[in-house]
């Protein structure tokens, strides 16, 4: 099988996908435009504050960072503050919290999909299906 694998020029594929030689600039713009969408996933460091809301969590391991907690509504809920926590913020994750618990920045994957698609350039929206179809045509025989 190893003898079948050919070198694939990914820089050319990226130019085809993004429609410009400066594809790195386009990727940087897309990352910046979609930052904060979906799930927070801020990694907790020693001393960080994490919040737990018993009324919104799906299990007792689900926590929210200070920033997300301040941007969400848990008034009248049973909340707990923890400064000795590991892992990451679960805000925006529908497997961790009910959607009404999400902060104003992290509305989950489903709610963020349309906003993320809106950040794509018209060229990228048109080129992506063609580039990926072409890539699959090239890769399929190499993998068989």
N, C-alpha and C. Protein backbone atom coordinates (compact mmCIF):
# COMPACT_ATOMS: atom_id res chain seq x y z
N UNK A 1 0.82 -1.20 0.00
CA UNK A 1 0.00 0.00 0.00
C UNK A 1 0.86 1.26 0.00
N UNK A 2 1.95 1.26 0.73
CA UNK A 2 2.79 2.45 0.83
C UNK A 2 3.29 2.90 -0.54
N UNK A 3 3.54 1.96 -1.45
CA UNK A 3 4.02 2.33 -2.78
C UNK A 3 2.95 3.03 -3.61
N UNK A 4 1.67 2.89 -3.26
CA UNK A 4 0.58 3.53 -3.99
C UNK A 4 0.43 5.01 -3.64
N UNK A 5 0.84 5.40 -2.43
CA UNK A 5 0.62 6.76 -1.95
C UNK A 5 1.54 7.72 -2.68
N UNK A 6 0.95 8.75 -3.23
CA UNK A 6 1.70 9.79 -3.92
C UNK A 6 1.66 11.05 -3.08
N UNK A 7 2.61 11.92 -3.32
CA UNK A 7 2.65 13.19 -2.59
C UNK A 7 1.54 14.10 -3.11
N UNK A 8 0.76 14.63 -2.19
CA UNK A 8 -0.33 15.54 -2.55
C UNK A 8 0.12 16.96 -2.21
N UNK A 9 -0.01 17.87 -3.15
CA UNK A 9 0.40 19.26 -2.94
C UNK A 9 -0.75 20.05 -2.31
N UNK A 10 -0.75 20.12 -0.98
CA UNK A 10 -1.85 20.78 -0.27
C UNK A 10 -1.84 22.29 -0.45
N UNK A 11 -0.69 22.89 -0.72
CA UNK A 11 -0.68 24.34 -0.94
C UNK A 11 -1.49 24.70 -2.18
N UNK A 12 -1.41 23.88 -3.22
CA UNK A 12 -2.21 24.11 -4.42
C UNK A 12 -3.70 23.94 -4.11
N UNK A 13 -4.03 22.94 -3.32
CA UNK A 13 -5.42 22.71 -2.94
C UNK A 13 -5.96 23.90 -2.15
N UNK A 14 -5.15 24.45 -1.27
CA UNK A 14 -5.59 25.60 -0.47
C UNK A 14 -5.82 26.82 -1.36
N UNK A 15 -4.97 27.03 -2.35
CA UNK A 15 -5.17 28.14 -3.29
C UNK A 15 -6.46 27.94 -4.06
N UNK A 16 -6.73 26.70 -4.50
CA UNK A 16 -7.98 26.42 -5.22
C UNK A 16 -9.18 26.65 -4.31
N UNK A 17 -9.07 26.23 -3.06
CA UNK A 17 -10.17 26.35 -2.12
C UNK A 17 -10.48 27.81 -1.79
N UNK A 18 -9.45 28.57 -1.46
CA UNK A 18 -9.66 29.96 -1.03
C UNK A 18 -9.61 30.97 -2.17
N UNK A 19 -9.10 30.56 -3.33
CA UNK A 19 -9.12 31.42 -4.50
C UNK A 19 -8.07 32.51 -4.51
N UNK A 20 -7.03 32.35 -3.72
CA UNK A 20 -5.98 33.35 -3.69
C UNK A 20 -4.69 32.75 -3.14
N UNK A 21 -3.59 33.36 -3.54
CA UNK A 21 -2.29 32.90 -3.05
C UNK A 21 -2.16 33.12 -1.55
N UNK A 22 -2.76 34.19 -1.05
CA UNK A 22 -2.69 34.51 0.38
C UNK A 22 -3.80 33.80 1.14
N UNK A 23 -3.85 32.48 1.03
CA UNK A 23 -4.89 31.71 1.71
C UNK A 23 -4.76 31.78 3.22
N UNK A 24 -3.55 32.00 3.74
CA UNK A 24 -3.35 32.08 5.19
C UNK A 24 -4.09 33.29 5.77
N UNK A 25 -4.11 34.39 5.01
CA UNK A 25 -4.84 35.58 5.45
C UNK A 25 -6.34 35.32 5.53
N UNK A 26 -6.85 34.59 4.55
CA UNK A 26 -8.27 34.23 4.54
C UNK A 26 -8.61 33.35 5.72
N UNK A 27 -7.77 32.36 6.00
CA UNK A 27 -8.00 31.47 7.14
C UNK A 27 -7.98 32.26 8.45
N UNK A 28 -7.06 33.19 8.57
CA UNK A 28 -6.97 34.02 9.78
C UNK A 28 -8.24 34.85 9.98
N UNK A 29 -8.76 35.42 8.89
CA UNK A 29 -9.99 36.21 8.95
C UNK A 29 -11.17 35.33 9.38
N UNK A 30 -11.25 34.11 8.81
CA UNK A 30 -12.34 33.20 9.15
C UNK A 30 -12.27 32.80 10.62
N UNK A 31 -11.08 32.49 11.12
CA UNK A 31 -10.92 32.13 12.53
C UNK A 31 -11.35 33.28 13.43
N UNK A 32 -10.94 34.50 13.07
CA UNK A 32 -11.29 35.67 13.87
C UNK A 32 -12.80 35.92 13.86
N UNK A 33 -13.43 35.75 12.71
CA UNK A 33 -14.86 36.01 12.58
C UNK A 33 -15.71 34.99 13.34
N UNK A 34 -15.21 33.78 13.50
CA UNK A 34 -16.00 32.73 14.15
C UNK A 34 -15.58 32.48 15.60
N UNK A 35 -14.62 33.26 16.09
CA UNK A 35 -14.18 33.09 17.47
C UNK A 35 -15.33 33.31 18.44
N UNK A 36 -15.48 32.42 19.37
CA UNK A 36 -16.53 32.54 20.37
C UNK A 36 -17.83 31.87 19.99
N UNK A 37 -17.96 31.44 18.74
CA UNK A 37 -19.18 30.74 18.35
C UNK A 37 -19.09 29.29 18.82
N UNK A 38 -20.19 28.65 18.89
CA UNK A 38 -20.20 27.24 19.29
C UNK A 38 -20.05 27.07 20.78
N UNK A 39 -18.94 26.47 21.18
CA UNK A 39 -18.68 26.15 22.58
C UNK A 39 -17.48 26.94 23.07
N UNK A 40 -17.50 27.37 24.32
CA UNK A 40 -16.41 28.16 24.88
C UNK A 40 -15.11 27.35 24.94
N UNK A 41 -15.10 26.28 25.71
CA UNK A 41 -13.95 25.37 25.86
C UNK A 41 -12.71 26.04 26.43
N UNK A 42 -12.89 27.15 27.17
CA UNK A 42 -11.74 27.78 27.84
C UNK A 42 -11.16 26.77 28.82
N UNK A 43 -9.85 26.55 28.74
CA UNK A 43 -9.18 25.60 29.64
C UNK A 43 -8.93 26.30 30.97
N UNK A 44 -9.35 25.65 32.05
CA UNK A 44 -9.17 26.21 33.38
C UNK A 44 -7.73 26.05 33.85
N UNK A 45 -7.21 27.12 34.44
CA UNK A 45 -5.88 27.10 35.04
C UNK A 45 -6.04 27.21 36.54
N UNK A 46 -4.98 26.93 37.26
CA UNK A 46 -5.01 26.99 38.72
C UNK A 46 -5.51 28.36 39.17
N UNK A 47 -6.51 28.35 40.04
CA UNK A 47 -7.06 29.58 40.58
C UNK A 47 -8.22 30.17 39.80
N UNK A 48 -8.49 29.65 38.59
CA UNK A 48 -9.63 30.14 37.81
C UNK A 48 -10.94 29.81 38.54
N UNK A 49 -11.93 30.63 38.31
CA UNK A 49 -13.24 30.42 38.90
C UNK A 49 -14.12 29.67 37.91
N UNK A 50 -14.79 28.65 38.41
CA UNK A 50 -15.75 27.89 37.60
C UNK A 50 -17.08 27.89 38.33
N UNK A 51 -18.16 27.98 37.55
CA UNK A 51 -19.50 28.00 38.11
C UNK A 51 -20.25 26.74 37.72
N UNK A 52 -21.02 26.25 38.64
CA UNK A 52 -21.88 25.10 38.41
C UNK A 52 -23.31 25.53 38.70
N UNK A 53 -24.23 25.21 37.82
CA UNK A 53 -25.64 25.54 38.04
C UNK A 53 -26.43 24.24 38.05
N UNK A 54 -26.93 23.88 39.20
CA UNK A 54 -27.67 22.63 39.34
C UNK A 54 -28.98 22.63 38.55
N UNK A 55 -29.51 23.81 38.27
CA UNK A 55 -30.77 23.89 37.54
C UNK A 55 -30.60 23.79 36.02
N UNK A 56 -29.38 24.01 35.54
CA UNK A 56 -29.14 24.02 34.09
C UNK A 56 -28.22 22.91 33.61
N UNK A 57 -27.43 22.34 34.50
CA UNK A 57 -26.45 21.33 34.10
C UNK A 57 -27.12 20.01 33.75
N UNK A 58 -26.44 19.24 32.91
CA UNK A 58 -26.93 17.90 32.56
C UNK A 58 -26.31 16.85 33.48
N UNK A 59 -25.15 17.16 34.07
CA UNK A 59 -24.58 16.32 35.12
C UNK A 59 -23.66 17.18 35.99
N UNK A 60 -23.21 16.64 37.10
CA UNK A 60 -22.47 17.43 38.08
C UNK A 60 -21.05 17.79 37.67
N UNK A 61 -20.58 17.33 36.52
CA UNK A 61 -19.23 17.69 36.06
C UNK A 61 -19.24 18.93 35.16
N UNK A 62 -20.40 19.43 34.81
CA UNK A 62 -20.52 20.55 33.87
C UNK A 62 -20.29 21.87 34.58
N UNK A 63 -19.35 22.66 34.05
CA UNK A 63 -19.02 23.94 34.66
C UNK A 63 -18.91 25.02 33.60
N UNK A 64 -18.94 26.25 34.07
CA UNK A 64 -18.90 27.42 33.21
C UNK A 64 -17.83 28.37 33.75
N UNK A 65 -17.06 28.99 32.86
CA UNK A 65 -16.04 29.95 33.30
C UNK A 65 -16.72 31.23 33.79
N UNK A 66 -15.95 32.07 34.47
CA UNK A 66 -16.47 33.31 35.03
C UNK A 66 -17.09 34.19 33.95
N UNK A 67 -16.39 34.34 32.82
CA UNK A 67 -16.88 35.19 31.74
C UNK A 67 -18.23 34.73 31.21
N UNK A 68 -18.36 33.43 30.96
CA UNK A 68 -19.62 32.90 30.44
C UNK A 68 -20.73 33.01 31.49
N UNK A 69 -20.39 32.76 32.74
CA UNK A 69 -21.39 32.86 33.80
C UNK A 69 -21.95 34.28 33.88
N UNK A 70 -21.07 35.28 33.77
CA UNK A 70 -21.50 36.68 33.84
C UNK A 70 -22.40 37.06 32.66
N UNK A 71 -22.26 36.37 31.53
CA UNK A 71 -23.03 36.69 30.32
C UNK A 71 -24.24 35.77 30.15
N UNK A 72 -24.58 35.02 31.20
CA UNK A 72 -25.72 34.11 31.13
C UNK A 72 -26.67 34.42 32.29
N UNK A 73 -27.86 33.86 32.24
CA UNK A 73 -28.88 34.16 33.24
C UNK A 73 -29.15 32.94 34.12
N UNK A 74 -28.71 33.04 35.37
CA UNK A 74 -28.95 31.97 36.34
C UNK A 74 -29.61 32.53 37.60
N UNK A 75 -30.32 33.64 37.42
CA UNK A 75 -30.98 34.27 38.57
C UNK A 75 -31.98 33.31 39.20
N UNK A 76 -31.85 33.15 40.51
CA UNK A 76 -32.75 32.28 41.26
C UNK A 76 -32.38 30.81 41.19
N UNK A 77 -31.29 30.49 40.50
CA UNK A 77 -30.87 29.10 40.36
C UNK A 77 -29.94 28.69 41.51
N UNK A 78 -29.79 27.41 41.66
CA UNK A 78 -28.85 26.87 42.65
C UNK A 78 -27.48 26.79 41.99
N UNK A 79 -26.63 27.79 42.29
CA UNK A 79 -25.30 27.86 41.68
C UNK A 79 -24.21 27.68 42.73
N UNK A 80 -23.08 27.15 42.27
CA UNK A 80 -21.94 26.91 43.13
C UNK A 80 -20.69 27.46 42.46
N UNK A 81 -19.83 28.04 43.28
CA UNK A 81 -18.55 28.57 42.82
C UNK A 81 -17.46 27.57 43.19
N UNK A 82 -16.54 27.33 42.26
CA UNK A 82 -15.45 26.40 42.53
C UNK A 82 -14.16 27.00 42.00
N UNK A 83 -13.10 26.98 42.81
CA UNK A 83 -11.80 27.49 42.36
C UNK A 83 -10.79 26.36 42.17
N UNK A 84 -11.19 25.16 42.46
CA UNK A 84 -10.30 24.01 42.27
C UNK A 84 -10.93 23.06 41.27
N UNK A 85 -10.83 23.44 40.01
CA UNK A 85 -11.45 22.66 38.96
C UNK A 85 -10.47 22.47 37.81
N UNK A 86 -10.57 21.36 37.13
CA UNK A 86 -9.77 21.12 35.93
C UNK A 86 -10.69 21.05 34.74
N UNK A 87 -10.12 20.81 33.58
CA UNK A 87 -10.94 20.68 32.38
C UNK A 87 -11.17 22.01 31.70
N UNK A 88 -12.35 22.15 31.11
CA UNK A 88 -12.65 23.35 30.35
C UNK A 88 -14.11 23.76 30.52
N UNK A 89 -14.40 24.98 30.10
CA UNK A 89 -15.75 25.53 30.18
C UNK A 89 -16.66 24.80 29.20
N UNK A 90 -17.84 24.42 29.69
CA UNK A 90 -18.80 23.67 28.88
C UNK A 90 -19.91 24.55 28.27
N UNK A 91 -19.79 25.86 28.41
CA UNK A 91 -20.83 26.74 27.90
C UNK A 91 -20.98 26.57 26.39
N UNK A 92 -22.20 26.38 25.95
CA UNK A 92 -22.51 26.18 24.53
C UNK A 92 -22.62 24.71 24.15
N UNK A 93 -22.25 23.82 25.06
CA UNK A 93 -22.31 22.38 24.77
C UNK A 93 -23.67 21.84 25.19
N UNK A 94 -24.50 21.42 24.24
CA UNK A 94 -25.84 20.93 24.58
C UNK A 94 -25.82 19.61 25.35
N UNK A 95 -24.67 18.93 25.39
CA UNK A 95 -24.55 17.72 26.20
C UNK A 95 -24.24 18.05 27.65
N UNK A 96 -23.91 19.32 27.92
CA UNK A 96 -23.55 19.74 29.28
C UNK A 96 -24.60 20.60 29.95
N UNK A 97 -25.18 21.53 29.20
CA UNK A 97 -26.16 22.47 29.76
C UNK A 97 -27.39 22.55 28.86
N UNK A 98 -28.52 22.92 29.46
CA UNK A 98 -29.70 23.20 28.66
C UNK A 98 -29.42 24.49 27.87
N UNK A 99 -29.92 24.61 26.65
CA UNK A 99 -29.59 25.77 25.81
C UNK A 99 -29.89 27.14 26.44
N UNK A 100 -30.89 27.24 27.27
CA UNK A 100 -31.19 28.54 27.89
C UNK A 100 -30.09 28.98 28.86
N UNK A 101 -29.19 28.08 29.23
CA UNK A 101 -28.09 28.41 30.13
C UNK A 101 -26.90 29.01 29.40
N UNK A 102 -26.85 28.86 28.08
CA UNK A 102 -25.70 29.35 27.33
C UNK A 102 -25.56 30.86 27.46
N UNK A 103 -24.33 31.34 27.44
CA UNK A 103 -24.10 32.78 27.52
C UNK A 103 -24.38 33.45 26.17
N UNK A 104 -24.29 34.74 26.14
CA UNK A 104 -24.58 35.49 24.91
C UNK A 104 -23.53 35.26 23.82
N UNK A 105 -22.34 34.78 24.18
CA UNK A 105 -21.30 34.54 23.19
C UNK A 105 -21.30 33.13 22.61
N UNK A 106 -21.79 32.16 23.38
CA UNK A 106 -21.71 30.76 22.96
C UNK A 106 -23.10 30.15 22.91
N UNK A 107 -23.65 30.08 21.72
CA UNK A 107 -25.01 29.60 21.55
C UNK A 107 -25.09 28.17 21.07
N UNK A 108 -23.98 27.44 21.14
CA UNK A 108 -23.98 26.05 20.72
C UNK A 108 -23.71 25.91 19.23
N UNK A 109 -23.47 24.69 18.80
CA UNK A 109 -23.12 24.42 17.41
C UNK A 109 -24.25 24.72 16.46
N UNK A 110 -25.44 24.29 16.80
CA UNK A 110 -26.58 24.44 15.90
C UNK A 110 -26.89 25.91 15.63
N UNK A 111 -26.94 26.71 16.69
CA UNK A 111 -27.25 28.13 16.54
C UNK A 111 -26.12 28.88 15.83
N UNK A 112 -24.89 28.39 15.96
CA UNK A 112 -23.74 29.06 15.36
C UNK A 112 -23.52 28.71 13.89
N UNK A 113 -24.13 27.64 13.42
CA UNK A 113 -23.89 27.17 12.06
C UNK A 113 -24.20 28.25 11.03
N UNK A 114 -25.36 28.88 11.12
CA UNK A 114 -25.73 29.92 10.15
C UNK A 114 -24.78 31.10 10.21
N UNK A 115 -24.42 31.52 11.42
CA UNK A 115 -23.49 32.64 11.56
C UNK A 115 -22.12 32.29 11.00
N UNK A 116 -21.68 31.06 11.22
CA UNK A 116 -20.39 30.64 10.68
C UNK A 116 -20.42 30.59 9.15
N UNK A 117 -21.51 30.08 8.59
CA UNK A 117 -21.63 30.04 7.13
C UNK A 117 -21.65 31.45 6.53
N UNK A 118 -22.22 32.39 7.26
CA UNK A 118 -22.28 33.78 6.78
C UNK A 118 -20.89 34.41 6.68
N UNK A 119 -19.92 33.89 7.43
CA UNK A 119 -18.56 34.44 7.38
C UNK A 119 -17.77 33.97 6.17
N UNK A 120 -18.25 32.91 5.50
CA UNK A 120 -17.54 32.39 4.34
C UNK A 120 -17.70 33.32 3.14
N UNK A 121 -16.64 33.48 2.38
CA UNK A 121 -16.71 34.30 1.18
C UNK A 121 -17.55 33.56 0.13
N UNK A 122 -18.18 34.28 -0.79
CA UNK A 122 -18.94 33.62 -1.85
C UNK A 122 -18.06 32.64 -2.64
N UNK A 123 -16.80 33.02 -2.88
CA UNK A 123 -15.91 32.13 -3.61
C UNK A 123 -15.71 30.82 -2.86
N UNK A 124 -15.48 30.90 -1.55
CA UNK A 124 -15.24 29.70 -0.75
C UNK A 124 -16.48 28.81 -0.72
N UNK A 125 -17.66 29.41 -0.61
CA UNK A 125 -18.90 28.62 -0.62
C UNK A 125 -19.06 27.84 -1.92
N UNK A 126 -18.65 28.47 -3.02
CA UNK A 126 -18.78 27.82 -4.33
C UNK A 126 -17.66 26.81 -4.58
N UNK A 127 -16.45 27.14 -4.14
CA UNK A 127 -15.30 26.28 -4.45
C UNK A 127 -15.21 25.05 -3.56
N UNK A 128 -15.63 25.15 -2.31
CA UNK A 128 -15.44 24.04 -1.36
C UNK A 128 -16.00 22.71 -1.86
N UNK A 129 -17.26 22.64 -2.29
CA UNK A 129 -17.76 21.34 -2.76
C UNK A 129 -16.96 20.79 -3.95
N UNK A 130 -16.54 21.66 -4.86
CA UNK A 130 -15.78 21.22 -6.03
C UNK A 130 -14.39 20.72 -5.63
N UNK A 131 -13.73 21.47 -4.76
CA UNK A 131 -12.38 21.09 -4.34
C UNK A 131 -12.41 19.78 -3.57
N UNK A 132 -13.36 19.63 -2.65
CA UNK A 132 -13.42 18.40 -1.86
C UNK A 132 -13.83 17.20 -2.72
N UNK A 133 -14.72 17.39 -3.68
CA UNK A 133 -15.07 16.30 -4.60
C UNK A 133 -13.86 15.88 -5.42
N UNK A 134 -13.13 16.84 -5.92
CA UNK A 134 -11.92 16.54 -6.69
C UNK A 134 -10.87 15.84 -5.84
N UNK A 135 -10.73 16.28 -4.61
CA UNK A 135 -9.77 15.66 -3.70
C UNK A 135 -10.15 14.20 -3.42
N UNK A 136 -11.42 13.93 -3.27
CA UNK A 136 -11.86 12.56 -3.02
C UNK A 136 -11.62 11.67 -4.24
N UNK A 137 -11.78 12.22 -5.44
CA UNK A 137 -11.52 11.45 -6.67
C UNK A 137 -10.05 11.05 -6.72
N UNK A 138 -9.17 11.96 -6.31
CA UNK A 138 -7.73 11.67 -6.32
C UNK A 138 -7.35 10.71 -5.20
N UNK A 139 -7.91 10.89 -4.02
CA UNK A 139 -7.50 10.09 -2.86
C UNK A 139 -8.09 8.69 -2.84
N UNK A 140 -9.30 8.52 -3.35
CA UNK A 140 -9.97 7.22 -3.28
C UNK A 140 -9.13 6.08 -3.85
N UNK A 141 -8.59 6.20 -5.06
CA UNK A 141 -7.78 5.09 -5.60
C UNK A 141 -6.51 4.84 -4.78
N UNK A 142 -5.97 5.89 -4.17
CA UNK A 142 -4.75 5.75 -3.39
C UNK A 142 -5.00 4.98 -2.09
N UNK A 143 -6.23 5.01 -1.62
CA UNK A 143 -6.56 4.37 -0.35
C UNK A 143 -7.09 2.96 -0.52
N UNK A 144 -7.32 2.53 -1.74
CA UNK A 144 -7.87 1.20 -1.98
C UNK A 144 -6.78 0.16 -2.17
